[in-house]
Structure formats: structure tokens, C-alpha cells
């Protein structure tokens, strides 16, 4: 019983394993990939109130993180941090530029993210590496840092092939079991 309690505490506050389901991070992380998530990378987060009690590091552009579901999704999502607020991003000719590099904008986000966009403090702009199919902050906007479950430390390549690959679609919302 004590071992079970210790394992539960460790899983809740330190390390967790997730299985990536969606196509939004391909080719970096493919469907079926098992990822190790460091839950305390940015602080200690209480799972029931989904808030950080203590934060010691903010995510940085380029980090791959697991985020709690947004209002538009039902599952946690694996995404890359593109920008961390407070910051400005610039959009020109259908391309968004920030500290995370550049990423194309889908038609649905062109009007919303045209020109200069300000990201508020304690907010993150998250994107998938597969920009054509990823449902991410380009559609639903920046997310509060409180929604970040942890940082992906390691991942194993998932099995891919004709049997395992689904047709890419923004309907296939990410990402983890």
C-alpha cells in the first residue's frame, strides 16, 4: 500500500508517461509515441485545482509541453511553445514570427493575427510542428501558464505505417491518452 501511495504521488507531481495520439507534432513526435513528462519542470502544480502553488521556471520558446484541454478540446495536447508573454508577435504575408521562429497562418487565423499581436504575461502561444493539421493557439489563442501540465523530456518514436496512420485532419484533436 505504501509503494502504491508513493508511486501515485510520484506520478502526480514528478514524472508521468503519456501516449501521443494526434498528428499535430509530426514529424517530431508521431502518433503512438510514448512521452515522458516532467510535471515539476516549471513548478509544483496541484492537480485538483489545476494551479501552480510554486513556479520557478517559465516555459521557453522551443519547449515541448503537455497542456490541459482548452475550451475547444477534450484531451490534453502536446505542443511546442512558440512565444511566452509578455511579448509581441508579428504577422506578415500569412506567416507569424515570434521567438519560436516562423509558422504559417491558416486562413481562419489571418484576420485574427494580422499585424502585431501582444501576448499577455503568464500566457503561452502554443503550436504544433505539423502546421497544416495542428489545432493550436493560432485558432484558440494564447493559453494561461496554469494549463501547462509539464515539459516533455523524452519520447520514443511511435510505430508508423499504413495501418497506424490516420488521415491528417484538424478534426483529429490531439493528443495524449
N, C-alpha and C. Protein backbone atom coordinates (compact mmCIF):
# COMPACT_ATOMS: atom_id res chain seq x y z
N UNK A 1 0.83 -1.19 0.00
CA UNK A 1 0.00 0.00 0.00
C UNK A 1 0.87 1.26 0.00
N UNK A 2 1.95 1.24 0.78
CA UNK A 2 2.85 2.40 0.84
C UNK A 2 3.50 2.62 -0.52
N UNK A 3 3.92 1.53 -1.19
CA UNK A 3 4.52 1.64 -2.52
C UNK A 3 3.54 2.25 -3.51
N UNK A 4 2.27 1.86 -3.43
CA UNK A 4 1.25 2.41 -4.32
C UNK A 4 1.08 3.91 -4.08
N UNK A 5 1.04 4.32 -2.84
CA UNK A 5 0.88 5.74 -2.49
C UNK A 5 2.08 6.54 -2.98
N UNK A 6 3.29 6.01 -2.79
CA UNK A 6 4.50 6.70 -3.26
C UNK A 6 4.48 6.82 -4.78
N UNK A 7 4.09 5.75 -5.48
CA UNK A 7 4.02 5.78 -6.95
C UNK A 7 2.98 6.80 -7.42
N UNK A 8 1.85 6.87 -6.75
CA UNK A 8 0.80 7.82 -7.12
C UNK A 8 1.28 9.27 -6.92
N UNK A 9 1.95 9.53 -5.83
CA UNK A 9 2.49 10.87 -5.57
C UNK A 9 3.54 11.22 -6.62
N UNK A 10 4.41 10.26 -6.93
CA UNK A 10 5.45 10.48 -7.93
C UNK A 10 4.84 10.79 -9.30
N UNK A 11 3.81 10.04 -9.69
CA UNK A 11 3.13 10.25 -10.97
C UNK A 11 2.40 11.60 -11.00
N UNK A 12 1.82 11.97 -9.89
CA UNK A 12 1.05 13.21 -9.83
C UNK A 12 1.92 14.46 -9.84
N UNK A 13 3.08 14.40 -9.19
CA UNK A 13 3.89 15.61 -9.03
C UNK A 13 5.23 15.60 -9.75
N UNK A 14 5.74 14.45 -10.18
CA UNK A 14 7.08 14.41 -10.74
C UNK A 14 7.10 13.98 -12.20
N UNK A 15 6.92 12.70 -12.46
CA UNK A 15 7.02 12.18 -13.83
C UNK A 15 5.76 11.42 -14.21
N UNK A 16 5.42 11.50 -15.48
CA UNK A 16 4.26 10.81 -15.99
C UNK A 16 4.57 10.32 -17.40
N UNK A 17 3.90 9.29 -17.84
CA UNK A 17 4.01 8.80 -19.21
C UNK A 17 2.70 9.07 -19.93
N UNK A 18 2.81 9.52 -21.18
CA UNK A 18 1.62 9.73 -22.00
C UNK A 18 1.85 9.08 -23.36
N UNK A 19 0.78 8.70 -24.00
CA UNK A 19 0.84 8.17 -25.36
C UNK A 19 0.27 9.24 -26.29
N UNK A 20 1.07 9.67 -27.23
CA UNK A 20 0.64 10.71 -28.17
C UNK A 20 -0.27 10.09 -29.20
N UNK A 21 -1.35 10.78 -29.48
CA UNK A 21 -2.38 10.24 -30.36
C UNK A 21 -2.48 10.98 -31.69
N UNK A 22 -2.38 12.29 -31.67
CA UNK A 22 -2.65 13.10 -32.86
C UNK A 22 -1.44 13.30 -33.75
N UNK A 23 -1.69 13.95 -34.89
CA UNK A 23 -0.67 14.20 -35.91
C UNK A 23 -0.05 15.59 -35.78
N UNK A 24 -0.44 16.38 -34.80
CA UNK A 24 -0.03 17.78 -34.79
C UNK A 24 1.46 18.01 -34.57
N UNK A 25 2.17 17.06 -34.00
CA UNK A 25 3.60 17.24 -33.76
C UNK A 25 4.48 16.45 -34.72
N UNK A 26 3.89 15.81 -35.74
CA UNK A 26 4.71 15.09 -36.71
C UNK A 26 5.51 16.08 -37.53
N UNK A 27 6.72 15.80 -37.91
CA UNK A 27 7.44 14.55 -37.79
C UNK A 27 8.21 14.39 -36.48
N UNK A 28 8.22 15.41 -35.63
CA UNK A 28 8.98 15.32 -34.38
C UNK A 28 8.46 14.21 -33.49
N UNK A 29 7.16 14.21 -33.22
CA UNK A 29 6.54 13.19 -32.39
C UNK A 29 5.37 12.62 -33.19
N UNK A 30 5.42 11.33 -33.44
CA UNK A 30 4.40 10.69 -34.28
C UNK A 30 3.34 10.02 -33.41
N UNK A 31 2.17 9.72 -33.99
CA UNK A 31 1.14 9.01 -33.23
C UNK A 31 1.68 7.67 -32.73
N UNK A 32 1.31 7.31 -31.52
CA UNK A 32 1.78 6.08 -30.90
C UNK A 32 3.04 6.25 -30.07
N UNK A 33 3.60 7.45 -30.09
CA UNK A 33 4.81 7.72 -29.33
C UNK A 33 4.51 7.76 -27.84
N UNK A 34 5.40 7.19 -27.06
CA UNK A 34 5.30 7.29 -25.60
C UNK A 34 6.23 8.40 -25.16
N UNK A 35 5.69 9.36 -24.42
CA UNK A 35 6.47 10.52 -23.98
C UNK A 35 6.56 10.56 -22.46
N UNK A 36 7.72 10.93 -21.96
CA UNK A 36 7.95 11.11 -20.53
C UNK A 36 7.79 12.59 -20.22
N UNK A 37 6.86 12.89 -19.31
CA UNK A 37 6.53 14.28 -18.98
C UNK A 37 7.05 14.61 -17.59
N UNK A 38 7.84 15.67 -17.50
CA UNK A 38 8.36 16.15 -16.22
C UNK A 38 7.36 17.17 -15.70
N UNK A 39 6.52 16.73 -14.78
CA UNK A 39 5.42 17.56 -14.27
C UNK A 39 5.90 18.76 -13.46
N UNK A 40 7.04 18.66 -12.84
CA UNK A 40 7.51 19.78 -12.00
C UNK A 40 8.59 20.61 -12.68
N UNK A 41 8.62 20.62 -14.01
CA UNK A 41 9.61 21.40 -14.75
C UNK A 41 9.48 22.90 -14.51
N UNK A 42 8.25 23.35 -14.33
CA UNK A 42 8.01 24.78 -14.19
C UNK A 42 7.53 25.17 -12.80
N UNK A 43 7.29 24.20 -11.95
CA UNK A 43 6.83 24.46 -10.59
C UNK A 43 6.02 23.29 -10.07
N UNK A 44 5.44 23.47 -8.91
CA UNK A 44 4.59 22.45 -8.32
C UNK A 44 3.15 22.84 -8.58
N UNK A 45 2.46 21.95 -9.27
CA UNK A 45 1.08 22.21 -9.69
C UNK A 45 0.15 21.25 -8.98
N UNK A 46 -0.89 21.78 -8.37
CA UNK A 46 -1.87 20.93 -7.71
C UNK A 46 -2.86 20.42 -8.74
N UNK A 47 -2.99 19.10 -8.85
CA UNK A 47 -3.82 18.54 -9.91
C UNK A 47 -5.31 18.81 -9.78
N UNK A 48 -5.82 18.91 -8.57
CA UNK A 48 -7.27 19.06 -8.40
C UNK A 48 -7.74 20.47 -8.67
N UNK A 49 -6.95 21.46 -8.30
CA UNK A 49 -7.34 22.83 -8.58
C UNK A 49 -6.66 23.36 -9.84
N UNK A 50 -5.77 22.53 -10.42
CA UNK A 50 -5.08 22.84 -11.67
C UNK A 50 -4.44 24.21 -11.65
N UNK A 51 -3.67 24.44 -10.62
CA UNK A 51 -2.99 25.71 -10.45
C UNK A 51 -1.62 25.45 -9.83
N UNK A 52 -0.68 26.31 -10.14
CA UNK A 52 0.65 26.19 -9.55
C UNK A 52 0.65 26.79 -8.15
N UNK A 53 1.22 26.05 -7.22
CA UNK A 53 1.41 26.56 -5.86
C UNK A 53 2.69 27.37 -5.84
N UNK A 54 3.72 26.84 -6.52
CA UNK A 54 5.02 27.50 -6.63
C UNK A 54 5.47 27.34 -8.08
N UNK A 55 5.96 28.43 -8.68
CA UNK A 55 6.54 28.37 -10.02
C UNK A 55 7.97 28.84 -9.95
N UNK A 56 8.89 28.07 -10.58
CA UNK A 56 10.29 28.50 -10.55
C UNK A 56 10.85 28.79 -11.92
N UNK A 57 10.33 28.23 -12.96
CA UNK A 57 10.80 28.50 -14.31
C UNK A 57 9.61 28.68 -15.23
N UNK A 58 9.67 29.66 -16.10
CA UNK A 58 8.63 29.72 -17.12
C UNK A 58 9.05 28.84 -18.30
N UNK A 59 8.11 28.35 -19.07
CA UNK A 59 8.48 27.66 -20.30
C UNK A 59 9.21 28.63 -21.22
N UNK A 60 10.04 28.12 -22.10
CA UNK A 60 10.74 28.98 -23.06
C UNK A 60 10.38 28.53 -24.47
N UNK A 61 10.44 29.44 -25.44
CA UNK A 61 10.15 29.04 -26.81
C UNK A 61 11.01 27.86 -27.22
N UNK A 62 10.36 26.88 -27.83
CA UNK A 62 11.03 25.66 -28.24
C UNK A 62 10.73 24.48 -27.34
N UNK A 63 10.32 24.72 -26.09
CA UNK A 63 9.95 23.63 -25.19
C UNK A 63 8.74 22.89 -25.76
N UNK A 64 8.74 21.57 -25.61
CA UNK A 64 7.56 20.78 -25.94
C UNK A 64 6.85 20.50 -24.63
N UNK A 65 5.58 20.86 -24.55
CA UNK A 65 4.83 20.77 -23.31
C UNK A 65 3.54 19.98 -23.50
N UNK A 66 2.97 19.56 -22.38
CA UNK A 66 1.64 18.96 -22.36
C UNK A 66 0.73 19.99 -21.70
N UNK A 67 -0.36 20.33 -22.37
CA UNK A 67 -1.29 21.33 -21.87
C UNK A 67 -2.64 20.69 -21.58
N UNK A 68 -3.30 21.20 -20.55
CA UNK A 68 -4.67 20.77 -20.23
C UNK A 68 -5.58 21.14 -21.39
N UNK A 69 -6.74 20.51 -21.48
CA UNK A 69 -7.66 20.82 -22.57
C UNK A 69 -8.07 22.30 -22.57
N UNK A 70 -8.19 22.85 -23.78
CA UNK A 70 -8.74 24.20 -23.91
C UNK A 70 -10.25 24.06 -23.92
N UNK A 71 -10.93 25.15 -24.05
CA UNK A 71 -12.40 25.10 -24.08
C UNK A 71 -12.89 24.38 -25.33
N UNK A 72 -12.04 24.32 -26.37
CA UNK A 72 -12.44 23.71 -27.63
C UNK A 72 -12.03 22.25 -27.77
N UNK A 73 -11.25 21.72 -26.83
CA UNK A 73 -10.78 20.35 -26.94
C UNK A 73 -11.13 19.56 -25.69
N UNK A 74 -11.11 18.25 -25.82
CA UNK A 74 -11.45 17.38 -24.71
C UNK A 74 -10.23 16.68 -24.11
N UNK A 75 -9.11 16.70 -24.84
CA UNK A 75 -7.92 15.98 -24.39
C UNK A 75 -6.76 16.93 -24.14
N UNK A 76 -5.83 16.45 -23.32
CA UNK A 76 -4.59 17.18 -23.17
C UNK A 76 -3.87 17.19 -24.52
N UNK A 77 -3.04 18.19 -24.74
CA UNK A 77 -2.37 18.33 -26.03
C UNK A 77 -0.87 18.46 -25.85
N UNK A 78 -0.13 17.88 -26.77
CA UNK A 78 1.31 18.05 -26.83
C UNK A 78 1.58 19.12 -27.87
N UNK A 79 2.23 20.20 -27.46
CA UNK A 79 2.51 21.32 -28.36
C UNK A 79 3.89 21.90 -28.06
N UNK A 80 4.39 22.69 -29.00
CA UNK A 80 5.65 23.40 -28.82
C UNK A 80 5.35 24.84 -28.41
N UNK A 81 6.11 25.36 -27.46
CA UNK A 81 5.95 26.76 -27.05
C UNK A 81 6.56 27.63 -28.14
N UNK A 82 5.74 28.49 -28.70
CA UNK A 82 6.18 29.39 -29.77
C UNK A 82 6.55 30.76 -29.19
N UNK A 83 5.77 31.21 -28.23
CA UNK A 83 6.03 32.52 -27.61
C UNK A 83 5.52 32.52 -26.18
N UNK A 84 6.20 33.27 -25.32
CA UNK A 84 5.85 33.40 -23.91
C UNK A 84 5.63 34.88 -23.62
N UNK A 85 4.50 35.21 -23.03
CA UNK A 85 4.20 36.60 -22.71
C UNK A 85 4.91 37.08 -21.47
N UNK A 86 5.16 38.36 -21.36
CA UNK A 86 4.75 39.41 -22.28
C UNK A 86 5.68 39.46 -23.49
N UNK A 87 5.08 39.52 -24.66
CA UNK A 87 5.86 39.56 -25.90
C UNK A 87 4.97 39.98 -27.06
N UNK A 88 5.61 40.42 -28.11
CA UNK A 88 4.91 40.76 -29.34
C UNK A 88 5.26 39.74 -30.41
N UNK A 89 4.26 39.37 -31.21
CA UNK A 89 4.47 38.54 -32.40
C UNK A 89 4.03 39.37 -33.60
N UNK A 90 4.63 39.09 -34.75
CA UNK A 90 4.31 39.85 -35.95
C UNK A 90 3.84 38.90 -37.05
N UNK A 91 2.83 39.34 -37.77
CA UNK A 91 2.29 38.56 -38.88
C UNK A 91 2.40 39.38 -40.15
N UNK A 92 2.97 38.74 -41.17
CA UNK A 92 3.08 39.39 -42.46
C UNK A 92 3.05 38.34 -43.55
N UNK A 93 2.26 38.57 -44.57
CA UNK A 93 2.15 37.67 -45.72
C UNK A 93 1.81 36.23 -45.31
N UNK A 94 0.92 36.08 -44.31
CA UNK A 94 0.47 34.76 -43.91
C UNK A 94 1.45 33.97 -43.07
N UNK A 95 2.48 34.66 -42.54
CA UNK A 95 3.48 33.99 -41.71
C UNK A 95 3.57 34.72 -40.38
N UNK A 96 3.54 33.95 -39.29
CA UNK A 96 3.64 34.51 -37.95
C UNK A 96 5.08 34.35 -37.46
N UNK A 97 5.64 35.44 -36.90
CA UNK A 97 7.03 35.43 -36.43
C UNK A 97 7.06 35.77 -34.95
N UNK A 98 7.79 34.97 -34.18
CA UNK A 98 7.99 35.19 -32.75
C UNK A 98 9.33 34.61 -32.34
N UNK A 99 9.57 34.52 -31.04
CA UNK A 99 10.84 33.97 -30.57
C UNK A 99 10.99 32.49 -30.92
N UNK A 100 9.87 31.82 -31.20
CA UNK A 100 9.92 30.41 -31.58
C UNK A 100 10.19 30.20 -33.05
N UNK A 101 10.41 31.26 -33.82
CA UNK A 101 10.68 31.15 -35.25
C UNK A 101 9.54 31.70 -36.08
N UNK A 102 9.24 31.02 -37.16
CA UNK A 102 8.13 31.42 -38.03
C UNK A 102 7.24 30.21 -38.26
N UNK A 103 5.96 30.50 -38.47
CA UNK A 103 4.99 29.44 -38.73
C UNK A 103 3.91 30.01 -39.64
N UNK A 104 3.43 29.22 -40.62
CA UNK A 104 2.36 29.72 -41.49
C UNK A 104 1.05 29.86 -40.73
N UNK A 105 0.26 30.82 -41.17
CA UNK A 105 -1.06 31.04 -40.57
C UNK A 105 -2.13 30.44 -41.46
N UNK A 106 -3.05 29.66 -40.88
CA UNK A 106 -4.18 29.17 -41.69
C UNK A 106 -5.11 30.34 -42.01
N UNK A 107 -5.92 30.16 -43.04
CA UNK A 107 -6.85 31.22 -43.44
C UNK A 107 -7.74 31.67 -42.29
N UNK A 108 -8.14 30.74 -41.43
CA UNK A 108 -9.03 31.07 -40.31
C UNK A 108 -8.38 32.01 -39.30
N UNK A 109 -7.05 32.08 -39.27
CA UNK A 109 -6.36 32.91 -38.28
C UNK A 109 -5.78 34.19 -38.88
N UNK A 110 -5.85 34.36 -40.20
CA UNK A 110 -5.23 35.53 -40.83
C UNK A 110 -5.77 36.85 -40.28
N UNK A 111 -7.07 36.99 -40.19
CA UNK A 111 -7.66 38.25 -39.71
C UNK A 111 -7.38 38.45 -38.22
N UNK A 112 -7.45 37.38 -37.46
CA UNK A 112 -7.28 37.47 -36.01
C UNK A 112 -5.84 37.82 -35.63
N UNK A 113 -4.87 37.34 -36.39
CA UNK A 113 -3.46 37.53 -36.05
C UNK A 113 -2.72 38.41 -37.04
N UNK A 114 -3.41 39.33 -37.69
CA UNK A 114 -2.73 40.19 -38.65
C UNK A 114 -1.99 41.31 -37.94
N UNK A 115 -0.87 41.71 -38.50
CA UNK A 115 -0.07 42.78 -37.92
C UNK A 115 0.69 42.33 -36.69
N UNK A 116 0.59 43.11 -35.64
CA UNK A 116 1.29 42.81 -34.39
C UNK A 116 0.30 42.31 -33.35
N UNK A 117 0.67 41.23 -32.67
CA UNK A 117 -0.17 40.65 -31.63
C UNK A 117 0.62 40.64 -30.33
N UNK A 118 -0.01 41.10 -29.25
CA UNK A 118 0.64 41.12 -27.95
C UNK A 118 0.17 39.91 -27.14
N UNK A 119 1.13 39.19 -26.57
CA UNK A 119 0.84 38.06 -25.70
C UNK A 119 0.96 38.56 -24.26
N UNK A 120 -0.10 38.44 -23.50
CA UNK A 120 -0.13 38.91 -22.12
C UNK A 120 0.84 38.12 -21.23
N UNK A 121 1.26 38.71 -20.12
CA UNK A 121 2.11 37.97 -19.17
C UNK A 121 1.40 36.69 -18.71
N UNK A 122 2.19 35.66 -18.43
CA UNK A 122 1.70 34.37 -17.95
C UNK A 122 0.80 33.67 -18.97
N UNK A 123 0.97 33.99 -20.23
CA UNK A 123 0.26 33.31 -21.32
C UNK A 123 1.29 32.75 -22.29
N UNK A 124 0.93 31.64 -22.93
CA UNK A 124 1.81 30.98 -23.89
C UNK A 124 1.10 30.82 -25.22
N UNK A 125 1.84 31.00 -26.28
CA UNK A 125 1.32 30.73 -27.61
C UNK A 125 1.89 29.39 -28.02
N UNK A 126 1.02 28.38 -28.16
CA UNK A 126 1.43 27.00 -28.43
C UNK A 126 1.10 26.62 -29.86
N UNK A 127 2.03 25.92 -30.52
CA UNK A 127 1.80 25.47 -31.89
C UNK A 127 2.25 24.03 -32.04
N UNK A 128 1.68 23.36 -33.03
CA UNK A 128 2.13 22.03 -33.40
C UNK A 128 3.17 22.13 -34.50
N UNK A 129 4.08 21.17 -34.56
CA UNK A 129 5.11 21.18 -35.60
C UNK A 129 4.53 20.93 -36.98
N UNK A 130 3.40 20.25 -37.05
CA UNK A 130 2.73 19.97 -38.31
C UNK A 130 1.68 21.06 -38.52
N UNK A 131 2.13 22.21 -39.01
CA UNK A 131 1.29 23.40 -39.07
C UNK A 131 0.02 23.23 -39.89
N UNK A 132 0.04 22.33 -40.86
CA UNK A 132 -1.14 22.17 -41.73
C UNK A 132 -2.30 21.50 -41.03
N UNK A 133 -2.06 20.67 -40.02
CA UNK A 133 -3.15 19.94 -39.37
C UNK A 133 -3.31 20.27 -37.89
N UNK A 134 -2.39 21.03 -37.33
CA UNK A 134 -2.42 21.28 -35.89
C UNK A 134 -3.53 22.26 -35.51
N UNK A 135 -4.29 21.88 -34.49
CA UNK A 135 -5.27 22.77 -33.88
C UNK A 135 -4.58 23.35 -32.66
N UNK A 136 -4.24 24.63 -32.70
CA UNK A 136 -3.38 25.20 -31.67
C UNK A 136 -3.72 26.67 -31.42
N UNK A 137 -2.81 27.40 -30.82
CA UNK A 137 -3.07 28.79 -30.44
C UNK A 137 -3.38 29.69 -31.62
N UNK A 138 -3.05 29.29 -32.81
CA UNK A 138 -3.42 30.09 -33.98
C UNK A 138 -4.94 30.14 -34.13
N UNK A 139 -5.63 29.11 -33.64
CA UNK A 139 -7.10 29.10 -33.67
C UNK A 139 -7.70 29.55 -32.35
N UNK A 140 -7.21 29.04 -31.22
CA UNK A 140 -7.86 29.33 -29.94
C UNK A 140 -7.13 30.35 -29.08
N UNK A 141 -6.04 30.90 -29.55
CA UNK A 141 -5.34 31.98 -28.85
C UNK A 141 -4.38 31.48 -27.78
N UNK A 142 -3.70 32.41 -27.14
CA UNK A 142 -2.73 32.04 -26.09
C UNK A 142 -3.43 31.35 -24.92
N UNK A 143 -2.69 30.48 -24.25
CA UNK A 143 -3.23 29.75 -23.10
C UNK A 143 -2.53 30.19 -21.83
N UNK A 144 -3.23 30.18 -20.71
CA UNK A 144 -2.59 30.53 -19.44
C UNK A 144 -1.54 29.48 -19.06
N UNK A 145 -0.48 29.92 -18.44
CA UNK A 145 0.57 29.02 -17.99
C UNK A 145 0.02 27.97 -17.03
N UNK A 146 -1.06 28.28 -16.35
CA UNK A 146 -1.68 27.33 -15.42
C UNK A 146 -2.18 26.06 -16.13
N UNK A 147 -2.37 26.13 -17.44
CA UNK A 147 -2.84 24.96 -18.20
C UNK A 147 -1.70 24.00 -18.57
N UNK A 148 -0.46 24.39 -18.29
CA UNK A 148 0.67 23.54 -18.65
C UNK A 148 0.86 22.48 -17.58
N UNK A 149 0.75 21.21 -17.99
CA UNK A 149 0.89 20.07 -17.10
C UNK A 149 2.36 19.78 -16.83
N UNK A 150 3.19 19.92 -17.85
CA UNK A 150 4.61 19.65 -17.70
C UNK A 150 5.34 19.71 -19.02
N UNK A 151 6.63 19.45 -18.95
CA UNK A 151 7.52 19.50 -20.11
C UNK A 151 7.83 18.09 -20.57
N UNK A 152 7.78 17.86 -21.88
CA UNK A 152 8.14 16.56 -22.44
C UNK A 152 9.66 16.46 -22.42
N UNK A 153 10.16 15.46 -21.66
CA UNK A 153 11.61 15.27 -21.55
C UNK A 153 12.14 14.32 -22.62
N UNK A 154 11.49 13.19 -22.74
CA UNK A 154 11.93 12.15 -23.67
C UNK A 154 10.72 11.60 -24.39
N UNK A 155 10.96 11.09 -25.58
CA UNK A 155 9.89 10.41 -26.28
C UNK A 155 10.51 9.34 -27.17
N UNK A 156 9.78 8.23 -27.30
CA UNK A 156 10.21 7.16 -28.18
C UNK A 156 9.40 7.27 -29.45
N UNK A 157 10.00 6.95 -30.54
CA UNK A 157 9.28 7.01 -31.82
C UNK A 157 8.15 6.01 -31.82
N UNK A 158 6.98 6.44 -32.23
CA UNK A 158 5.84 5.53 -32.30
C UNK A 158 5.89 4.69 -33.56
N UNK A 159 5.11 3.65 -33.57
CA UNK A 159 5.01 2.83 -34.78
C UNK A 159 4.23 3.60 -35.82
N UNK A 160 4.79 3.71 -37.00
CA UNK A 160 4.05 4.39 -38.06
C UNK A 160 4.07 3.52 -39.30
N UNK A 161 3.06 3.61 -40.04
CA UNK A 161 2.91 2.82 -41.24
C UNK A 161 1.50 2.98 -41.73
N UNK A 162 1.15 2.32 -42.82
CA UNK A 162 -0.19 2.49 -43.36
C UNK A 162 -1.29 2.08 -42.40
N UNK A 163 -1.02 1.09 -41.53
CA UNK A 163 -2.05 0.64 -40.59
C UNK A 163 -2.31 1.66 -39.49
N UNK A 164 -1.26 2.35 -39.04
CA UNK A 164 -1.39 3.22 -37.89
C UNK A 164 -1.68 4.67 -38.24
N UNK A 165 -1.44 5.09 -39.46
CA UNK A 165 -1.58 6.49 -39.81
C UNK A 165 -3.04 6.82 -40.13
N UNK A 166 -3.54 7.85 -39.50
CA UNK A 166 -4.89 8.33 -39.80
C UNK A 166 -4.76 9.46 -40.81
N UNK A 167 -5.80 9.75 -41.52
CA UNK A 167 -5.79 10.89 -42.41
C UNK A 167 -5.63 12.14 -41.57
N UNK A 168 -4.64 12.99 -41.88
CA UNK A 168 -4.48 14.20 -41.09
C UNK A 168 -5.68 15.11 -41.23
N UNK A 169 -6.12 15.63 -40.12
CA UNK A 169 -7.28 16.50 -40.13
C UNK A 169 -7.32 17.28 -38.83
N UNK A 170 -7.80 18.49 -38.89
CA UNK A 170 -7.94 19.27 -37.66
C UNK A 170 -9.06 18.72 -36.80
N UNK A 171 -9.84 17.80 -37.33
CA UNK A 171 -10.86 17.15 -36.55
C UNK A 171 -10.26 16.17 -35.56
N UNK A 172 -9.08 15.66 -35.88
CA UNK A 172 -8.41 14.71 -35.00
C UNK A 172 -7.68 15.51 -33.93
N UNK A 173 -8.39 15.93 -32.94
CA UNK A 173 -7.82 16.76 -31.90
C UNK A 173 -6.83 15.96 -31.09
N UNK A 174 -5.76 16.62 -30.71
CA UNK A 174 -4.65 15.98 -30.02
C UNK A 174 -5.11 15.35 -28.74
N UNK A 175 -4.34 14.72 -28.15
CA UNK A 175 -3.01 14.34 -28.48
C UNK A 175 -2.61 13.23 -27.54
N UNK A 176 -3.04 13.22 -26.31
CA UNK A 176 -2.50 12.21 -25.41
C UNK A 176 -3.59 11.45 -24.69
N UNK A 177 -3.25 10.23 -24.34
CA UNK A 177 -4.14 9.40 -23.53
C UNK A 177 -3.81 9.61 -22.09
